[in-house]
């Protein structure tokens, strides 16, 4: 059963994982977010009850 032989697939998985974690991930994490989180406390919107015309 050739699909149980991990010889070629393990090397491919290992190289792709190392490429992702050592080359691509630091480049992606170096970007500055355009929408940084703010320290403002969220305010609840003031809602008024709806008056139904048929009641």
PDB file of N, CA and C in Angstrom:
ATOM      1  N   UNK A   1       0.841  -1.175   0.000  1.00  0.00           N
ATOM      2  CA  UNK A   1       0.000   0.000   0.000  1.00  0.00           C
ATOM      3  C   UNK A   1       0.894   1.249   0.000  1.00  0.00           C
ATOM      4  N   UNK A   2       1.014   1.920  -1.093  1.00  0.00           N
ATOM      5  CA  UNK A   2       1.957   3.042  -1.176  1.00  0.00           C
ATOM      6  C   UNK A   2       1.524   4.269  -0.390  1.00  0.00           C
ATOM      7  N   UNK A   3       0.230   4.412  -0.117  1.00  0.00           N
ATOM      8  CA  UNK A   3      -0.197   5.599   0.625  1.00  0.00           C
ATOM      9  C   UNK A   3       0.224   5.547   2.092  1.00  0.00           C
ATOM     10  N   UNK A   4       0.634   4.373   2.573  1.00  0.00           N
ATOM     11  CA  UNK A   4       1.101   4.276   3.950  1.00  0.00           C
ATOM     12  C   UNK A   4       2.599   4.520   4.068  1.00  0.00           C
ATOM     13  N   UNK A   5       3.268   4.669   2.959  1.00  0.00           N
ATOM     14  CA  UNK A   5       4.695   4.949   2.984  1.00  0.00           C
ATOM     15  C   UNK A   5       4.884   6.450   3.233  1.00  0.00           C
ATOM     16  N   UNK A   6       5.398   6.840   4.401  1.00  0.00           N
ATOM     17  CA  UNK A   6       5.521   8.268   4.701  1.00  0.00           C
ATOM     18  C   UNK A   6       6.774   8.918   4.138  1.00  0.00           C
ATOM     19  N   UNK A   7       7.539   8.163   3.391  1.00  0.00           N
ATOM     20  CA  UNK A   7       8.831   8.675   2.954  1.00  0.00           C
ATOM     21  C   UNK A   7       8.729   9.942   2.110  1.00  0.00           C
ATOM     22  N   UNK A   8       8.030  10.004   0.992  1.00  0.00           N
ATOM     23  CA  UNK A   8       8.017  11.288   0.250  1.00  0.00           C
ATOM     24  C   UNK A   8       7.095  12.321   0.876  1.00  0.00           C
ATOM     25  N   UNK A   9       5.990  11.895   1.458  1.00  0.00           N
ATOM     26  CA  UNK A   9       4.989  12.848   1.926  1.00  0.00           C
ATOM     27  C   UNK A   9       5.402  13.534   3.212  1.00  0.00           C
ATOM     28  N   UNK A  10       6.142  12.843   4.044  1.00  0.00           N
ATOM     29  CA  UNK A  10       6.599  13.471   5.282  1.00  0.00           C
ATOM     30  C   UNK A  10       7.594  14.590   4.981  1.00  0.00           C
ATOM     31  N   UNK A  11       8.458  14.377   4.025  1.00  0.00           N
ATOM     32  CA  UNK A  11       9.423  15.421   3.658  1.00  0.00           C
ATOM     33  C   UNK A  11       8.717  16.628   3.052  1.00  0.00           C
ATOM     34  N   UNK A  12       7.715  16.397   2.228  1.00  0.00           N
ATOM     35  CA  UNK A  12       6.958  17.502   1.632  1.00  0.00           C
ATOM     36  C   UNK A  12       6.226  18.277   2.712  1.00  0.00           C
ATOM     37  N   UNK A  13       5.595  17.566   3.635  1.00  0.00           N
ATOM     38  CA  UNK A  13       4.876  18.242   4.712  1.00  0.00           C
ATOM     39  C   UNK A  13       5.843  19.024   5.599  1.00  0.00           C
ATOM     40  N   UNK A  14       6.981  18.446   5.904  1.00  0.00           N
ATOM     41  CA  UNK A  14       7.953  19.109   6.763  1.00  0.00           C
ATOM     42  C   UNK A  14       8.519  20.360   6.105  1.00  0.00           C
ATOM     43  N   UNK A  15       8.850  20.291   4.834  1.00  0.00           N
ATOM     44  CA  UNK A  15       9.390  21.470   4.164  1.00  0.00           C
ATOM     45  C   UNK A  15       8.331  22.560   3.998  1.00  0.00           C
ATOM     46  N   UNK A  16       7.102  22.183   3.719  1.00  0.00           N
ATOM     47  CA  UNK A  16       6.066  23.210   3.599  1.00  0.00           C
ATOM     48  C   UNK A  16       5.766  23.852   4.953  1.00  0.00           C
ATOM     49  N   UNK A  17       5.783  23.072   6.008  1.00  0.00           N
ATOM     50  CA  UNK A  17       5.549  23.621   7.340  1.00  0.00           C
ATOM     51  C   UNK A  17       6.681  24.554   7.757  1.00  0.00           C
ATOM     52  N   UNK A  18       7.903  24.163   7.486  1.00  0.00           N
ATOM     53  CA  UNK A  18       9.037  25.023   7.827  1.00  0.00           C
ATOM     54  C   UNK A  18       9.051  26.290   6.978  1.00  0.00           C
ATOM     55  N   UNK A  19       8.677  26.172   5.725  1.00  0.00           N
ATOM     56  CA  UNK A  19       8.595  27.358   4.865  1.00  0.00           C
ATOM     57  C   UNK A  19       7.554  28.320   5.392  1.00  0.00           C
ATOM     58  N   UNK A  20       6.426  27.780   5.766  1.00  0.00           N
ATOM     59  CA  UNK A  20       5.373  28.642   6.292  1.00  0.00           C
ATOM     60  C   UNK A  20       5.794  29.317   7.586  1.00  0.00           C
ATOM     61  N   UNK A  21       6.342  28.544   8.515  1.00  0.00           N
ATOM     62  CA  UNK A  21       6.612  29.105   9.834  1.00  0.00           C
ATOM     63  C   UNK A  21       7.896  29.936   9.898  1.00  0.00           C
ATOM     64  N   UNK A  22       8.843  29.706   9.012  1.00  0.00           N
ATOM     65  CA  UNK A  22      10.103  30.448   9.088  1.00  0.00           C
ATOM     66  C   UNK A  22      10.215  31.585   8.082  1.00  0.00           C
ATOM     67  N   UNK A  23       9.488  31.501   6.980  1.00  0.00           N
ATOM     68  CA  UNK A  23       9.635  32.529   5.951  1.00  0.00           C
ATOM     69  C   UNK A  23       8.367  33.351   5.799  1.00  0.00           C
ATOM     70  N   UNK A  24       7.245  32.691   5.627  1.00  0.00           N
ATOM     71  CA  UNK A  24       6.018  33.422   5.302  1.00  0.00           C
ATOM     72  C   UNK A  24       5.404  34.077   6.539  1.00  0.00           C
ATOM     73  N   UNK A  25       5.381  33.375   7.649  1.00  0.00           N
ATOM     74  CA  UNK A  25       4.729  33.916   8.845  1.00  0.00           C
ATOM     75  C   UNK A  25       5.396  35.189   9.372  1.00  0.00           C
ATOM     76  N   UNK A  26       6.715  35.283   9.487  1.00  0.00           N
ATOM     77  CA  UNK A  26       7.300  36.558   9.944  1.00  0.00           C
ATOM     78  C   UNK A  26       7.017  37.722   8.993  1.00  0.00           C
ATOM     79  N   UNK A  27       6.928  37.444   7.697  1.00  0.00           N
ATOM     80  CA  UNK A  27       6.609  38.521   6.761  1.00  0.00           C
ATOM     81  C   UNK A  27       5.174  39.002   6.964  1.00  0.00           C
ATOM     82  N   UNK A  28       4.267  38.080   7.230  1.00  0.00           N
ATOM     83  CA  UNK A  28       2.880  38.478   7.447  1.00  0.00           C
ATOM     84  C   UNK A  28       2.699  39.194   8.783  1.00  0.00           C
ATOM     85  N   UNK A  29       3.432  38.775   9.799  1.00  0.00           N
ATOM     86  CA  UNK A  29       3.280  39.387  11.112  1.00  0.00           C
ATOM     87  C   UNK A  29       3.960  40.749  11.205  1.00  0.00           C
ATOM     88  N   UNK A  30       4.795  41.084  10.241  1.00  0.00           N
ATOM     89  CA  UNK A  30       5.475  42.381  10.301  1.00  0.00           C
ATOM     90  C   UNK A  30       4.587  43.515   9.820  1.00  0.00           C
ATOM     91  N   UNK A  31       3.477  43.213   9.172  1.00  0.00           N
ATOM     92  CA  UNK A  31       2.575  44.269   8.710  1.00  0.00           C
ATOM     93  C   UNK A  31       1.880  44.920   9.892  1.00  0.00           C
ATOM     94  N   UNK A  32       1.646  46.212   9.755  1.00  0.00           N
ATOM     95  CA  UNK A  32       0.932  46.968  10.775  1.00  0.00           C
ATOM     96  C   UNK A  32      -0.552  46.918  10.430  1.00  0.00           C
ATOM     97  N   UNK A  33      -1.376  46.641  11.405  1.00  0.00           N
ATOM     98  CA  UNK A  33      -2.803  46.578  11.133  1.00  0.00           C
ATOM     99  C   UNK A  33      -3.329  47.980  10.859  1.00  0.00           C
ATOM    100  N   UNK A  34      -4.229  48.073   9.907  1.00  0.00           N
ATOM    101  CA  UNK A  34      -4.780  49.368   9.537  1.00  0.00           C
ATOM    102  C   UNK A  34      -5.859  49.827  10.515  1.00  0.00           C
ATOM    103  N   UNK A  35      -6.411  48.922  11.261  1.00  0.00           N
ATOM    104  CA  UNK A  35      -7.476  49.260  12.195  1.00  0.00           C
ATOM    105  C   UNK A  35      -7.073  48.755  13.585  1.00  0.00           C
ATOM    106  N   UNK A  36      -6.221  49.485  14.303  1.00  0.00           N
ATOM    107  CA  UNK A  36      -5.780  48.999  15.613  1.00  0.00           C
ATOM    108  C   UNK A  36      -6.929  49.044  16.620  1.00  0.00           C
ATOM    109  N   UNK A  37      -6.917  48.175  17.592  1.00  0.00           N
ATOM    110  CA  UNK A  37      -7.987  48.192  18.594  1.00  0.00           C
ATOM    111  C   UNK A  37      -7.916  49.451  19.447  1.00  0.00           C
ATOM    112  N   UNK A  38      -9.061  49.950  19.814  1.00  0.00           N
ATOM    113  CA  UNK A  38      -9.099  51.168  20.614  1.00  0.00           C
ATOM    114  C   UNK A  38      -9.400  50.821  22.067  1.00  0.00           C
ATOM    115  N   UNK A  39      -9.101  51.767  22.958  1.00  0.00           N
ATOM    116  CA  UNK A  39      -9.313  51.557  24.382  1.00  0.00           C
ATOM    117  C   UNK A  39     -10.630  52.142  24.868  1.00  0.00           C
ATOM    118  N   UNK A  40     -11.468  52.603  23.951  1.00  0.00           N
ATOM    119  CA  UNK A  40     -12.729  53.186  24.367  1.00  0.00           C
ATOM    120  C   UNK A  40     -13.676  52.096  24.866  1.00  0.00           C
ATOM    121  N   UNK A  41     -14.436  52.447  25.876  1.00  0.00           N
ATOM    122  CA  UNK A  41     -15.420  51.484  26.371  1.00  0.00           C
ATOM    123  C   UNK A  41     -16.654  51.550  25.474  1.00  0.00           C
ATOM    124  N   UNK A  42     -17.219  50.416  25.143  1.00  0.00           N
ATOM    125  CA  UNK A  42     -18.387  50.445  24.265  1.00  0.00           C
ATOM    126  C   UNK A  42     -19.611  50.988  25.008  1.00  0.00           C
ATOM    127  N   UNK A  43     -20.353  51.831  24.322  1.00  0.00           N
ATOM    128  CA  UNK A  43     -21.563  52.386  24.915  1.00  0.00           C
ATOM    129  C   UNK A  43     -22.767  51.662  24.331  1.00  0.00           C
ATOM    130  N   UNK A  44     -23.726  51.377  25.195  1.00  0.00           N
ATOM    131  CA  UNK A  44     -24.929  50.693  24.742  1.00  0.00           C
ATOM    132  C   UNK A  44     -25.840  51.702  24.041  1.00  0.00           C
ATOM    133  N   UNK A  45     -26.403  51.334  22.918  1.00  0.00           N
ATOM    134  CA  UNK A  45     -27.294  52.284  22.238  1.00  0.00           C
ATOM    135  C   UNK A  45     -28.595  52.444  23.018  1.00  0.00           C
ATOM    136  N   UNK A  46     -29.103  53.668  23.001  1.00  0.00           N
ATOM    137  CA  UNK A  46     -30.354  53.937  23.705  1.00  0.00           C
ATOM    138  C   UNK A  46     -31.517  53.555  22.787  1.00  0.00           C
ATOM    139  N   UNK A  47     -32.319  52.656  23.264  1.00  0.00           N
ATOM    140  CA  UNK A  47     -33.442  52.206  22.460  1.00  0.00           C
ATOM    141  C   UNK A  47     -34.742  52.667  23.096  1.00  0.00           C
ATOM    142  N   UNK A  48     -35.691  52.976  22.263  1.00  0.00           N
ATOM    143  CA  UNK A  48     -37.017  53.347  22.751  1.00  0.00           C
ATOM    144  C   UNK A  48     -37.981  52.227  22.372  1.00  0.00           C
ATOM    145  N   UNK A  49     -38.921  51.923  23.221  1.00  0.00           N
ATOM    146  CA  UNK A  49     -39.847  50.833  22.900  1.00  0.00           C
ATOM    147  C   UNK A  49     -40.745  51.211  21.725  1.00  0.00           C
ATOM    148  N   UNK A  50     -41.057  50.236  20.933  1.00  0.00           N
ATOM    149  CA  UNK A  50     -41.895  50.451  19.770  1.00  0.00           C
ATOM    150  C   UNK A  50     -43.363  50.365  20.172  1.00  0.00           C
ATOM    151  N   UNK A  51     -44.119  51.325  19.733  1.00  0.00           N
ATOM    152  CA  UNK A  51     -45.553  51.270  20.013  1.00  0.00           C
ATOM    153  C   UNK A  51     -46.247  50.659  18.810  1.00  0.00           C
ATOM    154  N   UNK A  52     -46.848  49.512  19.028  1.00  0.00           N
ATOM    155  CA  UNK A  52     -47.509  48.805  17.920  1.00  0.00           C
ATOM    156  C   UNK A  52     -48.882  49.442  17.680  1.00  0.00           C
ATOM    157  N   UNK A  53     -49.244  49.685  16.435  1.00  0.00           N
ATOM    158  CA  UNK A  53     -50.500  50.386  16.150  1.00  0.00           C
ATOM    159  C   UNK A  53     -51.731  49.524  16.425  1.00  0.00           C
ATOM    160  N   UNK A  54     -51.612  48.211  16.514  1.00  0.00           N
ATOM    161  CA  UNK A  54     -52.794  47.375  16.683  1.00  0.00           C
ATOM    162  C   UNK A  54     -53.039  46.974  18.140  1.00  0.00           C
ATOM    163  N   UNK A  55     -52.235  47.519  19.071  1.00  0.00           N
ATOM    164  CA  UNK A  55     -52.477  47.181  20.489  1.00  0.00           C
ATOM    165  C   UNK A  55     -53.192  48.279  21.189  1.00  0.00           C
TER     166      UNK A  55
END
